[in-house]
Protein backbone atom coordinates (compact mmCIF):
# COMPACT_ATOMS: atom_id res chain seq x y z
CA MET A 1 -29.98 -6.57 11.17
CA ARG A 2 -28.71 -7.92 7.85
CA ILE A 3 -24.99 -9.06 7.77
CA ASN A 4 -23.82 -6.48 5.27
CA LYS A 5 -25.68 -3.80 6.87
CA TYR A 6 -24.01 -4.47 10.08
CA ILE A 7 -20.44 -4.89 8.44
CA ALA A 8 -20.99 -1.33 6.48
CA LYS A 9 -22.20 0.05 9.64
CA SER A 10 -19.01 -1.04 11.65
CA THR A 11 -16.47 -0.57 9.23
CA GLY A 12 -17.52 2.65 6.87
CA CYS A 13 -17.36 0.43 3.72
CA SER A 14 -20.62 0.41 1.57
CA ARG A 15 -23.14 -2.29 1.57
CA ARG A 16 -21.60 -3.62 -1.96
CA GLN A 17 -18.60 -3.84 -0.66
CA ALA A 18 -19.48 -5.78 2.47
CA ASP A 19 -21.41 -8.02 -0.10
CA GLU A 20 -18.14 -8.82 -1.56
CA LEU A 21 -16.35 -9.28 1.53
CA ILE A 22 -19.06 -11.83 2.61
CA LEU A 23 -18.69 -13.46 -0.95
CA ALA A 24 -14.47 -13.93 -0.36
CA GLY A 25 -15.21 -15.49 2.52
CA LYS A 26 -13.57 -12.92 5.07
CA VAL A 27 -16.75 -12.76 7.43
CA ARG A 28 -17.43 -15.14 10.41
CA VAL A 29 -20.20 -15.06 12.42
CA ASN A 30 -20.11 -17.19 15.58
CA ASN A 31 -16.76 -18.80 14.46
CA LYS A 32 -18.14 -19.88 11.14
CA VAL A 33 -17.44 -18.16 7.75
CA CYS A 34 -20.56 -16.81 6.38
CA GLU A 35 -21.27 -16.69 2.71
CA ASP A 36 -25.15 -16.19 2.67
CA LEU A 37 -25.83 -12.32 2.54
CA SER A 38 -29.54 -12.85 3.84
CA THR A 39 -27.68 -13.62 7.29
CA LEU A 40 -29.87 -12.09 10.24
CA VAL A 41 -26.94 -10.75 13.44
CA PHE A 42 -27.96 -9.41 16.57
CA GLU A 43 -25.14 -7.18 17.72
CA HIS A 44 -25.42 -8.31 21.83
CA ASP A 45 -25.82 -11.86 20.52
CA ASP A 46 -23.52 -12.35 17.79
CA LYS A 47 -19.77 -12.74 17.59
CA ILE A 48 -18.78 -10.89 14.05
CA GLU A 49 -15.42 -11.04 12.78
CA LEU A 50 -13.58 -9.45 9.44
CA ASP A 51 -9.99 -11.21 8.72
CA GLY A 52 -10.48 -12.50 12.09
CA GLN A 53 -10.93 -9.18 13.93
CA ASP A 54 -14.04 -9.17 15.93
CA ILE A 55 -16.40 -5.86 14.64
CA LYS A 56 -18.65 -3.69 16.51
CA LEU A 57 -21.03 -1.01 15.73
CA ASP A 58 -19.77 1.21 18.52
CA ILE A 59 -16.36 2.03 16.63
CA PRO A 60 -15.59 5.43 16.85
CA LEU A 61 -14.98 7.49 13.62
CA LEU A 62 -11.46 7.90 12.78
CA TYR A 63 -9.49 9.90 10.77
CA ILE A 64 -5.67 9.75 10.26
CA MET A 65 -3.25 10.77 7.88
CA MET A 66 -0.27 8.92 6.78
CA ASN A 67 3.32 9.17 5.13
CA LYS A 68 2.97 5.97 2.85
CA PRO A 69 6.59 4.44 1.77
CA LYS A 70 7.40 3.14 -1.51
CA GLY A 71 6.79 -0.68 -1.28
CA LEU A 72 3.42 -0.88 0.71
CA VAL A 73 0.29 -1.09 -1.53
CA VAL A 74 -2.87 0.43 -0.55
CA THR A 75 -4.87 -2.31 0.56
CA ARG A 76 -6.16 -4.54 3.67
CA SER A 77 -5.02 -7.61 2.05
CA ASP A 78 -3.27 -8.46 -0.96
CA GLU A 79 -3.50 -11.92 -2.96
CA TRP A 80 0.05 -12.10 -4.07
CA ASP A 81 0.75 -11.51 0.16
CA ARG A 82 2.52 -8.38 -0.51
CA LYS A 83 2.94 -6.12 2.36
CA THR A 84 0.37 -3.42 2.99
CA VAL A 85 -0.04 -0.11 4.70
CA TYR A 86 -2.01 -1.89 7.36
CA SER A 87 1.47 -3.50 8.52
CA ILE A 88 2.52 -0.03 10.08
CA LEU A 89 -0.67 1.09 11.66
CA PRO A 90 -1.77 -0.26 15.12
CA GLN A 91 -3.98 -3.11 14.96
CA GLU A 92 -7.15 -1.31 16.27
CA PHE A 93 -7.00 0.90 13.16
CA ALA A 94 -7.53 -2.41 11.20
CA PHE A 95 -10.81 -1.19 9.68
CA VAL A 96 -10.09 2.30 8.84
CA LYS A 97 -10.11 2.59 4.78
CA PRO A 98 -8.05 4.54 2.28
CA VAL A 99 -9.29 7.70 0.75
CA GLY A 100 -7.84 7.19 -2.85
CA ARG A 101 -5.10 5.25 -3.77
CA LEU A 102 -1.30 5.42 -4.29
CA ASP A 103 0.36 2.75 -6.08
CA LYS A 104 3.03 0.61 -4.74
CA ASP A 105 5.99 2.34 -5.80
CA SER A 106 4.66 6.07 -4.93
CA GLU A 107 4.72 7.57 -1.81
CA GLY A 108 3.25 10.56 0.76
CA LEU A 109 -0.03 11.66 1.71
CA LEU A 110 -2.96 9.12 2.76
CA LEU A 111 -5.92 9.54 4.22
CA LEU A 112 -7.88 7.08 6.22
CA THR A 113 -10.76 6.82 7.74
CA ASN A 114 -13.81 4.67 8.60
CA ASP A 115 -16.39 7.68 7.87
CA GLY A 116 -17.88 6.47 4.40
CA GLU A 117 -19.91 9.48 4.03
CA MET A 118 -16.91 11.22 4.08
CA ILE A 119 -15.17 9.30 1.46
CA ASN A 120 -17.47 9.44 -0.62
CA LYS A 121 -17.64 13.24 -0.45
CA ILE A 122 -13.73 13.44 -0.92
CA LEU A 123 -14.05 11.41 -3.92
CA HIS A 124 -17.12 12.26 -5.42
CA PRO A 125 -16.24 13.99 -8.72
CA LYS A 126 -18.53 17.21 -8.38
CA TYR A 127 -15.89 18.48 -5.57
CA LYS A 128 -12.94 18.56 -8.00
CA LEU A 129 -10.65 18.44 -4.50
CA GLU A 130 -7.18 19.12 -5.41
CA LYS A 131 -4.27 16.97 -5.15
CA VAL A 132 -0.23 17.98 -5.23
CA TYR A 133 2.24 15.64 -6.24
CA GLN A 134 5.83 16.07 -6.25
CA VAL A 135 7.25 14.24 -9.20
CA ILE A 136 10.81 13.60 -10.31
CA VAL A 137 11.43 12.58 -13.79
CA ALA A 138 14.91 11.57 -15.73
CA GLY A 139 16.51 13.90 -18.00
CA LYS A 140 15.15 16.92 -19.13
CA VAL A 141 11.22 18.04 -19.51
CA ASN A 142 10.88 20.65 -22.74
CA LYS A 143 8.03 23.20 -23.35
CA GLY A 144 5.74 20.73 -26.17
CA GLN A 145 6.06 17.84 -23.23
CA LEU A 146 4.65 20.52 -20.38
CA THR A 147 2.06 21.81 -22.73
CA LYS A 148 0.57 18.55 -23.33
CA LEU A 149 0.55 17.44 -19.55
CA ARG A 150 -1.60 20.58 -18.91
CA GLU A 151 -3.91 21.01 -21.39
CA GLY A 152 -4.86 17.35 -21.48
CA ILE A 153 -3.71 13.87 -23.07
CA ASP A 154 -4.97 10.70 -23.83
CA ILE A 155 -3.98 8.16 -21.37
CA GLY A 156 -6.16 5.07 -22.81
CA ASP A 157 -9.42 5.48 -20.98
CA GLY A 158 -9.86 9.38 -22.45
CA ILE A 159 -8.42 12.74 -22.29
CA THR A 160 -7.01 13.90 -18.78
CA GLN A 161 -8.67 17.11 -17.61
CA PRO A 162 -6.38 20.46 -17.40
CA ALA A 163 -3.78 20.14 -14.94
CA GLY A 164 -1.25 22.38 -13.02
CA VAL A 165 2.12 21.01 -14.12
CA TYR A 166 5.08 23.42 -13.07
CA ILE A 167 8.78 23.08 -13.35
CA ARG A 168 10.65 23.07 -9.94
CA ARG A 169 13.95 22.14 -10.86
CA ASN A 170 15.52 20.96 -14.25
CA ASP A 171 18.88 20.03 -15.34
CA GLU A 172 20.43 17.16 -18.02
CA ARG A 173 20.07 14.52 -15.42
CA LYS A 174 16.31 14.94 -14.26
CA THR A 175 13.13 16.89 -13.41
CA THR A 176 11.29 18.15 -10.44
CA LEU A 177 7.57 18.63 -11.38
CA LYS A 178 4.63 19.82 -9.19
CA PHE A 179 1.45 18.33 -10.34
CA VAL A 180 -2.09 19.48 -9.06
CA LEU A 181 -4.84 17.55 -10.38
CA LYS A 182 -8.66 17.71 -9.85
CA GLU A 183 -9.44 13.87 -10.70
CA GLY A 184 -7.70 10.74 -9.25
CA ARG A 185 -7.84 7.92 -12.18
CA LYS A 186 -5.49 4.62 -12.04
CA ARG A 187 -1.76 5.55 -11.74
CA GLN A 188 -2.40 8.82 -13.89
CA ILE A 189 0.29 10.87 -13.45
CA ARG A 190 2.55 7.89 -14.42
CA ARG A 191 0.47 7.35 -17.53
CA MET A 192 0.53 10.72 -18.50
CA LEU A 193 4.09 11.05 -18.05
CA GLU A 194 4.64 7.76 -20.15
CA SER A 195 2.68 9.42 -22.88
CA VAL A 196 5.22 12.35 -23.44
CA GLU A 197 8.07 9.83 -23.03
CA ALA A 198 8.96 10.73 -19.53
CA LYS A 199 10.59 8.29 -16.93
CA VAL A 200 9.42 8.63 -13.71
CA ILE A 201 12.24 7.86 -10.48
CA SER A 202 10.00 9.12 -7.99
CA LEU A 203 6.61 10.37 -7.06
CA LYS A 204 5.10 11.67 -3.78
CA ARG A 205 1.84 13.21 -2.71
CA THR A 206 2.28 16.26 -0.91
CA GLN A 207 -1.07 17.65 -0.20
CA ILE A 208 -4.80 16.86 -0.61
CA GLY A 209 -6.66 20.07 -0.40
CA GLU A 210 -5.75 22.03 2.53
CA ILE A 211 -4.11 18.94 4.41
CA GLN A 212 -0.74 18.96 4.12
CA LEU A 213 1.71 15.96 4.39
CA GLY A 214 4.12 18.76 6.31
CA ARG A 215 6.87 17.07 8.20
CA LEU A 216 5.21 13.93 9.42
CA PRO A 217 8.50 11.25 8.81
CA LEU A 218 8.16 8.60 6.47
CA GLY A 219 6.67 5.32 7.40
CA GLN A 220 4.72 7.30 10.20
CA TRP A 221 0.94 8.30 10.89
CA ARG A 222 -1.04 10.81 12.69
CA TYR A 223 -4.57 11.56 14.14
CA LEU A 224 -5.73 14.73 11.66
CA THR A 225 -6.67 17.56 13.37
CA ARG A 226 -10.32 19.34 14.46
CA GLN A 227 -9.78 21.97 11.77
CA GLU A 228 -8.47 19.49 9.00
CA ILE A 229 -11.73 16.87 9.68
CA MET A 230 -13.80 20.30 9.43
CA PHE A 231 -12.45 21.16 6.12
CA LEU A 232 -12.92 17.67 4.59
CA LYS A 233 -16.42 17.48 5.91
CA LYS A 234 -17.74 21.24 4.84
CA ASP A 235 -19.30 21.62 1.24
CA LYS A 236 -16.79 22.17 -1.43
C-alpha cells in the first residue's frame, strides 16, 4: 500500500493532507524519515510513525466533543510552539482531527474525529449545518449594526451570508449576542464585528446542528452519544 493511502486510512485525513505530512518530514518508516510519496508499506511488516506515534490500520472510529478553553490552538502541532488542544486529550486520541476551527482566543464546542467521511460531510457547504455562538462585545450594539450583521457584510473575502444575530443582554458596558451561522470562514464572527466597529470581549461556540455543549466543563471532553453520531451521519 502506498504510504499516503496508509496514513489516510489510519488517521482519517485526506490523501492530499497525508502527502503534506510526508513532505514535511513528519512520517517515519522503520525508524527512518520518509519523504518519498511513492513509498510502499506493508501493514504487518513495517513500522509507520506519524509525529513519533505508531499508527495502525485497525484504529477504531472515534467521535469526541471538547469544551475548548481560550489560549489553545486547534492544530496537531504548532510552528510557534503554542499549546494545542491535543495537550488536554489522552495520548491515544492523537490522530482525531478537529471538525472546523476555533481560533486561539475563542472557546466552546469543538468536535474531533478520525472519520474522514464525516468531517467532509459536516464541512461541505451544501449541508449548511448551523453553528451557534455566544459573543460578548464592548458597549451597546445598535439597530444599524444588527441590520448589517444579519443581512450580510463584506469582510474582505466577499459578503457574508445572511446570519441570525440576536441581542440577549444589552447595557452601556457590554452586549451579549447570539450568532447563528451556516458558513464558517476564518475568524468570521470577529471580522464581521470589526466591520461594524464592535470590539469582541469573548466568543464561545455552544452548538453545532443538534449537538449542544451543555454542561461540559471548560477544558474537558466526552465521547459523542449514539444519537449525536447518528445525527452527524444522516443526510442533512
